[in-house]
Amino acid sequence: MGISREQHAGMKTADVFRKQGVSETTFYKHKAKFGGTDVSDARKLNRLLCEVMLENAKLKDAAAKIW
C-alpha cells in the first residue's frame, strides 16, 4: 500500500520501482490487486487471516493428539 501511496504522492513510477526494489510487472499486479484497499481494510483482513491461521494450528494440534 505504501508503494501505491508513493506513486500517487507524485513520485515518478520508475523511482518507486528502484526505491522499493520491485519490477514494473510486480508493481502493477500489486496495484491492481490492492489499489483500492485502505489501511483499515488491510488491518481487518490481517486480523481475519491471523484468526484462521490460529484455528488451523489448533486443529492440527488436536489431530496430532488423536493420531
Protein backbone atom coordinates (compact mmCIF):
# COMPACT_ATOMS: atom_id res chain seq x y z
CA MET A 1 0.00 0.00 0.00
CA GLY A 2 2.90 2.32 0.68
CA ILE A 3 4.24 1.77 -2.82
CA SER A 4 0.99 2.93 -4.42
CA ARG A 5 0.80 5.83 -1.98
CA GLU A 6 4.28 6.99 -3.01
CA GLN A 7 3.30 6.90 -6.65
CA HIS A 8 0.08 8.83 -6.01
CA ALA A 9 2.04 11.40 -3.98
CA GLY A 10 3.82 12.43 -7.16
CA MET A 11 6.96 10.30 -7.08
CA LYS A 12 7.96 9.05 -10.52
CA THR A 13 6.97 5.45 -11.07
CA ALA A 14 10.49 4.40 -12.11
CA ASP A 15 11.85 5.93 -8.89
CA VAL A 16 9.31 3.98 -6.84
CA PHE A 17 10.45 0.75 -8.54
CA ARG A 18 14.09 1.42 -7.72
CA LYS A 19 13.41 2.54 -4.15
CA GLN A 20 11.24 -0.47 -3.33
CA GLY A 21 13.30 -2.96 -5.32
CA VAL A 22 10.38 -4.30 -7.34
CA SER A 23 9.84 -4.85 -11.03
CA GLU A 24 7.31 -2.89 -13.06
CA THR A 25 5.19 -6.02 -13.51
CA THR A 26 5.11 -6.72 -9.77
CA PHE A 27 4.15 -3.12 -9.05
CA TYR A 28 1.21 -3.10 -11.44
CA LYS A 29 -0.02 -6.52 -10.25
CA HIS A 30 0.12 -5.22 -6.69
CA LYS A 31 -1.67 -2.03 -7.66
CA ALA A 32 -4.43 -3.95 -9.47
CA LYS A 33 -4.93 -6.26 -6.51
CA PHE A 34 -4.66 -3.80 -3.62
CA GLY A 35 -5.10 -0.37 -5.23
CA GLY A 36 -8.47 0.36 -3.62
CA THR A 37 -7.61 -1.08 -0.23
CA ASP A 38 -7.04 1.37 2.59
CA VAL A 39 -5.18 0.73 5.84
CA SER A 40 -8.26 -0.13 7.92
CA ASP A 41 -9.33 -2.74 5.35
CA ALA A 42 -5.84 -4.24 5.37
CA ARG A 43 -5.88 -4.45 9.18
CA LYS A 44 -9.26 -6.21 9.14
CA LEU A 45 -8.02 -8.71 6.56
CA ASN A 46 -4.84 -9.28 8.54
CA ARG A 47 -6.82 -9.91 11.73
CA LEU A 48 -9.08 -12.40 9.93
CA LEU A 49 -6.08 -14.18 8.47
CA CYS A 50 -4.46 -14.46 11.89
CA GLU A 51 -7.64 -15.90 13.40
CA VAL A 52 -7.91 -18.51 10.65
CA MET A 53 -4.23 -19.45 11.00
CA LEU A 54 -4.62 -19.83 14.77
CA GLU A 55 -7.70 -22.00 14.35
CA ASN A 56 -5.83 -24.11 11.78
CA ALA A 57 -2.92 -24.60 14.19
CA LYS A 58 -5.31 -25.68 16.95
CA LEU A 59 -6.96 -28.20 14.63
CA LYS A 60 -3.57 -29.60 13.61
CA ASP A 61 -2.59 -30.00 17.26
CA ALA A 62 -5.87 -31.75 18.04
CA ALA A 63 -5.46 -34.07 15.06
CA ALA A 64 -1.90 -34.90 16.10
CA LYS A 65 -3.12 -35.96 19.56
CA ILE A 66 -5.74 -38.25 18.01
CA TRP A 67 -3.27 -40.00 15.73
